C-alpha atoms as a PDB file:
ATOM      1  CA  MET A   1      -0.117  -0.052  -0.048  1.00  0.00           C
ATOM      2  CA  GLY A   2       2.827   2.207   0.847  1.00  0.00           C
ATOM      3  CA  ILE A   3       0.966   5.774   2.061  1.00  0.00           C
ATOM      4  CA  GLU A   4       0.189   5.300   6.000  1.00  0.00           C
ATOM      5  CA  LEU A   5      -2.889   7.388   7.491  1.00  0.00           C
ATOM      6  CA  THR A   6      -3.747   8.141  10.872  1.00  0.00           C
ATOM      7  CA  ASP A   7      -7.400   7.989  11.707  1.00  0.00           C
ATOM      8  CA  ASP A   8      -7.611  12.058  12.006  1.00  0.00           C
ATOM      9  CA  GLU A   9      -5.823  12.177   8.443  1.00  0.00           C
ATOM     10  CA  HIS A  10      -8.697   9.772   7.141  1.00  0.00           C
ATOM     11  CA  LEU A  11     -11.534  11.947   8.410  1.00  0.00           C
ATOM     12  CA  ARG A  12     -10.158  14.914   7.466  1.00  0.00           C
ATOM     13  CA  ALA A  13      -9.321  13.905   3.544  1.00  0.00           C
ATOM     14  CA  LEU A  14     -13.229  12.504   3.923  1.00  0.00           C
ATOM     15  CA  ALA A  15     -14.478  15.122   5.053  1.00  0.00           C
ATOM     16  CA  ALA A  16     -12.951  16.912   1.936  1.00  0.00           C
ATOM     17  CA  LEU A  17     -14.181  14.604  -0.461  1.00  0.00           C
ATOM     18  CA  GLU A  18     -17.639  15.341   1.367  1.00  0.00           C
ATOM     19  CA  ALA A  19     -17.022  19.447   0.517  1.00  0.00           C
ATOM     20  CA  VAL A  20     -15.959  18.664  -2.944  1.00  0.00           C
ATOM     21  CA  VAL A  21     -19.030  16.195  -3.743  1.00  0.00           C
ATOM     22  CA  GLY A  22     -21.247  19.163  -2.234  1.00  0.00           C
ATOM     23  CA  ASP A  23     -19.114  21.505  -3.688  1.00  0.00           C
ATOM     24  CA  ASN A  24     -18.737  23.796  -0.742  1.00  0.00           C
ATOM     25  CA  ASP A  25     -15.571  26.147  -0.322  1.00  0.00           C
ATOM     26  CA  ASP A  26     -16.541  27.050   2.897  1.00  0.00           C
ATOM     27  CA  ASP A  27     -16.519  23.906   3.935  1.00  0.00           C
ATOM     28  CA  LEU A  28     -13.477  22.773   2.168  1.00  0.00           C
ATOM     29  CA  ALA A  29     -11.332  26.208   3.538  1.00  0.00           C
ATOM     30  CA  VAL A  30     -11.961  24.772   6.801  1.00  0.00           C
ATOM     31  CA  LEU A  31      -9.871  21.670   6.037  1.00  0.00           C
ATOM     32  CA  VAL A  32      -6.555  24.147   5.316  1.00  0.00           C
ATOM     33  CA  ALA A  33      -3.855  22.006   6.864  1.00  0.00           C
ATOM     34  CA  GLY A  34      -2.815  22.699  10.819  1.00  0.00           C
ATOM     35  CA  ALA A  35       0.475  22.829  12.323  1.00  0.00           C
ATOM     36  CA  GLY A  36       1.866  19.583  11.768  1.00  0.00           C
ATOM     37  CA  GLU A  37      -0.868  18.598   9.005  1.00  0.00           C
ATOM     38  CA  ARG A  38      -0.432  17.560   5.486  1.00  0.00           C
ATOM     39  CA  PRO A  39      -1.350  20.529   3.514  1.00  0.00           C
ATOM     40  CA  LEU A  40      -4.588  19.461   1.825  1.00  0.00           C
ATOM     41  CA  PRO A  41      -3.650  18.438  -2.070  1.00  0.00           C
ATOM     42  CA  THR A  42      -1.105  16.452  -0.343  1.00  0.00           C
ATOM     43  CA  LEU A  43      -3.127  14.816   1.926  1.00  0.00           C
ATOM     44  CA  LEU A  44      -6.062  13.851  -0.607  1.00  0.00           C
ATOM     45  CA  ALA A  45      -3.457  12.720  -3.058  1.00  0.00           C
ATOM     46  CA  ALA A  46      -2.144  10.220  -0.658  1.00  0.00           C
ATOM     47  CA  TYR A  47      -5.859   9.613   0.525  1.00  0.00           C
ATOM     48  CA  GLY A  48      -6.126   8.705  -2.614  1.00  0.00           C
ATOM     49  CA  GLN A  49      -3.345   6.406  -3.620  1.00  0.00           C
ATOM     50  CA  HIS A  50      -4.916   4.350  -0.312  1.00  0.00           C
ATOM     51  CA  THR A  51      -7.851   3.918  -1.246  1.00  0.00           C
ATOM     52  CA  LEU A  52      -7.423   3.517  -5.526  1.00  0.00           C
ATOM     53  CA  HIS A  53      -5.321   0.717  -4.367  1.00  0.00           C
ATOM     54  CA  ARG A  54      -7.904  -0.656  -1.514  1.00  0.00           C
ATOM     55  CA  ILE A  55     -10.556  -0.931  -4.700  1.00  0.00           C
ATOM     56  CA  LEU A  56      -7.794  -2.610  -6.930  1.00  0.00           C
ATOM     57  CA  ILE A  57      -6.570  -5.111  -4.102  1.00  0.00           C
ATOM     58  CA  ALA A  58     -10.383  -5.905  -3.671  1.00  0.00           C
ATOM     59  CA  ALA A  59     -10.969  -6.079  -7.171  1.00  0.00           C
ATOM     60  CA  VAL A  60      -8.304  -9.191  -7.470  1.00  0.00           C
ATOM     61  CA  GLY A  61      -9.843 -11.055  -4.519  1.00  0.00           C
ATOM     62  CA  ILE A  62      -7.167 -10.274  -2.031  1.00  0.00           C
ATOM     63  CA  ASP A  63      -8.612 -10.482   1.774  1.00  0.00           C
ATOM     64  CA  ALA A  64      -6.633 -10.549   5.183  1.00  0.00           C
ATOM     65  CA  THR A  65      -7.324 -14.168   5.319  1.00  0.00           C
ATOM     66  CA  MET A  66      -5.077 -15.190   2.523  1.00  0.00           C
ATOM     67  CA  ASP A  67      -2.068 -16.487   2.972  1.00  0.00           C
ATOM     68  CA  TYR A  68       1.688 -14.423   1.933  1.00  0.00           C
ATOM     69  CA  ASP A  69       1.685 -17.143  -1.603  1.00  0.00           C
ATOM     70  CA  GLU A  70      -1.947 -16.724  -2.526  1.00  0.00           C
ATOM     71  CA  THR A  71      -1.384 -12.771  -1.881  1.00  0.00           C
ATOM     72  CA  GLY A  72       1.737 -12.527  -4.126  1.00  0.00           C
ATOM     73  CA  ARG A  73       0.225 -14.729  -6.833  1.00  0.00           C
ATOM     74  CA  LEU A  74      -2.755 -12.505  -7.072  1.00  0.00           C
ATOM     75  CA  THR A  75      -0.514  -9.493  -6.960  1.00  0.00           C
ATOM     76  CA  ALA A  76       1.513 -10.276  -9.502  1.00  0.00           C
ATOM     77  CA  GLU A  77      -1.439 -10.657 -11.379  1.00  0.00           C
ATOM     78  CA  VAL A  78      -2.815  -6.935 -11.038  1.00  0.00           C
ATOM     79  CA  ASP A  79       0.479  -5.339 -11.985  1.00  0.00           C
ATOM     80  CA  PRO A  80       0.050  -5.546 -15.610  1.00  0.00           C
ATOM     81  CA  ASP A  81      -3.484  -4.860 -15.389  1.00  0.00           C
ATOM     82  CA  PRO A  82      -4.227  -2.029 -18.083  1.00  0.00           C
ATOM     83  CA  MET A  83      -6.683  -0.335 -15.495  1.00  0.00           C
ATOM     84  CA  ALA A  84      -4.331  -1.402 -12.355  1.00  0.00           C
ATOM     85  CA  ARG A  85      -1.626   0.505 -14.789  1.00  0.00           C
ATOM     86  CA  VAL A  86      -3.962   3.421 -15.017  1.00  0.00           C
ATOM     87  CA  VAL A  87      -4.628   3.643 -11.075  1.00  0.00           C
ATOM     88  CA  PHE A  88      -1.001   3.896 -10.569  1.00  0.00           C
ATOM     89  CA  VAL A  89      -0.524   6.454 -13.527  1.00  0.00           C
ATOM     90  CA  LEU A  90      -3.324   8.654 -12.028  1.00  0.00           C
ATOM     91  CA  THR A  91      -2.405   8.307  -8.350  1.00  0.00           C
ATOM     92  CA  ASP A  92       1.231   9.743  -9.159  1.00  0.00           C
ATOM     93  CA  ALA A  93      -0.132  12.153 -11.319  1.00  0.00           C
ATOM     94  CA  LEU A  94      -1.872  13.419  -8.345  1.00  0.00           C
ATOM     95  CA  HIS A  95       1.012  13.539  -6.076  1.00  0.00           C
ATOM     96  CA  ASN A  96       2.910  15.403  -8.676  1.00  0.00           C
ATOM     97  CA  GLN A  97      -0.362  18.158  -8.740  1.00  0.00           C
ATOM     98  CA  ALA A  98       0.115  18.530  -5.209  1.00  0.00           C
ATOM     99  CA  ALA A  99       3.729  18.522  -4.664  1.00  0.00           C
ATOM    100  CA  CYS A 100       3.380  21.807  -6.476  1.00  0.00           C
ATOM    101  CA  ALA A 101       0.390  23.043  -4.914  1.00  0.00           C
ATOM    102  CA  GLY A 102       1.027  24.242  -0.780  1.00  0.00           C
ATOM    103  CA  GLU A 103      -2.246  24.354   0.334  1.00  0.00           C
ATOM    104  CA  ASP A 104      -4.193  25.812  -3.041  1.00  0.00           C
ATOM    105  CA  LEU A 105      -7.268  24.669  -2.497  1.00  0.00           C
ATOM    106  CA  VAL A 106      -8.578  24.931  -6.307  1.00  0.00           C
ATOM    107  CA  THR A 107      -5.752  22.160  -7.171  1.00  0.00           C
ATOM    108  CA  ALA A 108      -7.536  20.276  -3.365  1.00  0.00           C
ATOM    109  CA  LYS A 109     -11.047  20.741  -5.188  1.00  0.00           C
ATOM    110  CA  LEU A 110      -9.198  19.256  -8.397  1.00  0.00           C
ATOM    111  CA  ILE A 111      -7.777  15.902  -6.840  1.00  0.00           C
ATOM    112  CA  GLY A 112     -10.564  14.975  -4.739  1.00  0.00           C
ATOM    113  CA  ARG A 113     -12.831  15.628  -8.037  1.00  0.00           C
ATOM    114  CA  SER A 114      -9.989  13.213  -9.691  1.00  0.00           C
ATOM    115  CA  ILE A 115     -10.178  10.798  -6.777  1.00  0.00           C
ATOM    116  CA  LEU A 116     -14.173  11.006  -6.906  1.00  0.00           C
ATOM    117  CA  GLY A 117     -13.717   9.936 -10.613  1.00  0.00           C
ATOM    118  CA  ALA A 118     -11.905   7.377  -9.937  1.00  0.00           C
ATOM    119  CA  ILE A 119     -13.978   5.871  -7.346  1.00  0.00           C
ATOM    120  CA  ARG A 120     -17.135   6.299  -9.037  1.00  0.00           C
ATOM    121  CA  ALA A 121     -15.526   4.674 -12.610  1.00  0.00           C
ATOM    122  CA  PHE A 122     -14.712   1.653 -10.564  1.00  0.00           C
ATOM    123  CA  THR A 123     -18.172   1.701  -8.740  1.00  0.00           C
ATOM    124  CA  ASP A 124     -20.883   3.352 -10.780  1.00  0.00           C
ATOM    125  CA  ALA A 125     -21.917   5.400  -7.941  1.00  0.00           C
ATOM    126  CA  ASP A 126     -23.808   8.472  -8.599  1.00  0.00           C
ATOM    127  CA  THR A 127     -23.368  11.564  -6.036  1.00  0.00           C
ATOM    128  CA  GLN A 128     -25.593  10.579  -3.455  1.00  0.00           C
ATOM    129  CA  ASP A 129     -24.038   7.307  -3.404  1.00  0.00           C
ATOM    130  CA  ALA A 130     -20.931   8.739  -3.265  1.00  0.00           C
ATOM    131  CA  LEU A 131     -21.733  10.392   0.056  1.00  0.00           C
ATOM    132  CA  THR A 132     -22.821   7.046   1.188  1.00  0.00           C
ATOM    133  CA  LEU A 133     -19.743   5.242   0.367  1.00  0.00           C
ATOM    134  CA  LEU A 134     -17.911   8.746   2.327  1.00  0.00           C
ATOM    135  CA  CYS A 135     -20.129   8.117   5.233  1.00  0.00           C
ATOM    136  CA  ALA A 136     -19.382   4.509   5.314  1.00  0.00           C
ATOM    137  CA  LEU A 137     -15.628   4.772   4.877  1.00  0.00           C
ATOM    138  CA  ARG A 138     -15.814   7.605   7.789  1.00  0.00           C
ATOM    139  CA  ASN A 139     -17.778   5.047  10.277  1.00  0.00           C
ATOM    140  CA  GLU A 140     -15.415   2.100   9.360  1.00  0.00           C
ATOM    141  CA  VAL A 141     -12.319   4.416  10.600  1.00  0.00           C
ATOM    142  CA  LEU A 142     -14.106   5.133  13.918  1.00  0.00           C
ATOM    143  CA  GLN A 143     -15.456   2.113  14.784  1.00  0.00           C
ATOM    144  CA  ALA A 144     -11.605   1.137  14.306  1.00  0.00           C
ATOM    145  CA  GLY A 145      -9.951   4.311  15.957  1.00  0.00           C
END
């Protein structure tokens, strides 16, 4: 997976994505990085990578109950897959965009839209479904924490 996020980072990223779905610039502005936090574009790029990699892993059937050999075999099948390669290129592009953005909220919003678009491509979620998914992801973080 590569990118580790704290529970607070997960929740901040989810709140930012909800603000993007709702086109609410005021809510997005509240999420500007405080002391010791990643800039919002950087956080969203990291969250997007984390989430899209999780979706890829689920799509090929990898789960926590599998042994090392089975996981390795399925992972090897993911690497040459065209959809996986597109996800890797997308997440790399999001990180590159974030690296130049600082705390620019327009860039954060664009990154958020790209993440939501990629999630929709995998799940066929519409706007209401996206909000339901983001709520479920937030609940998952809260229950684990």
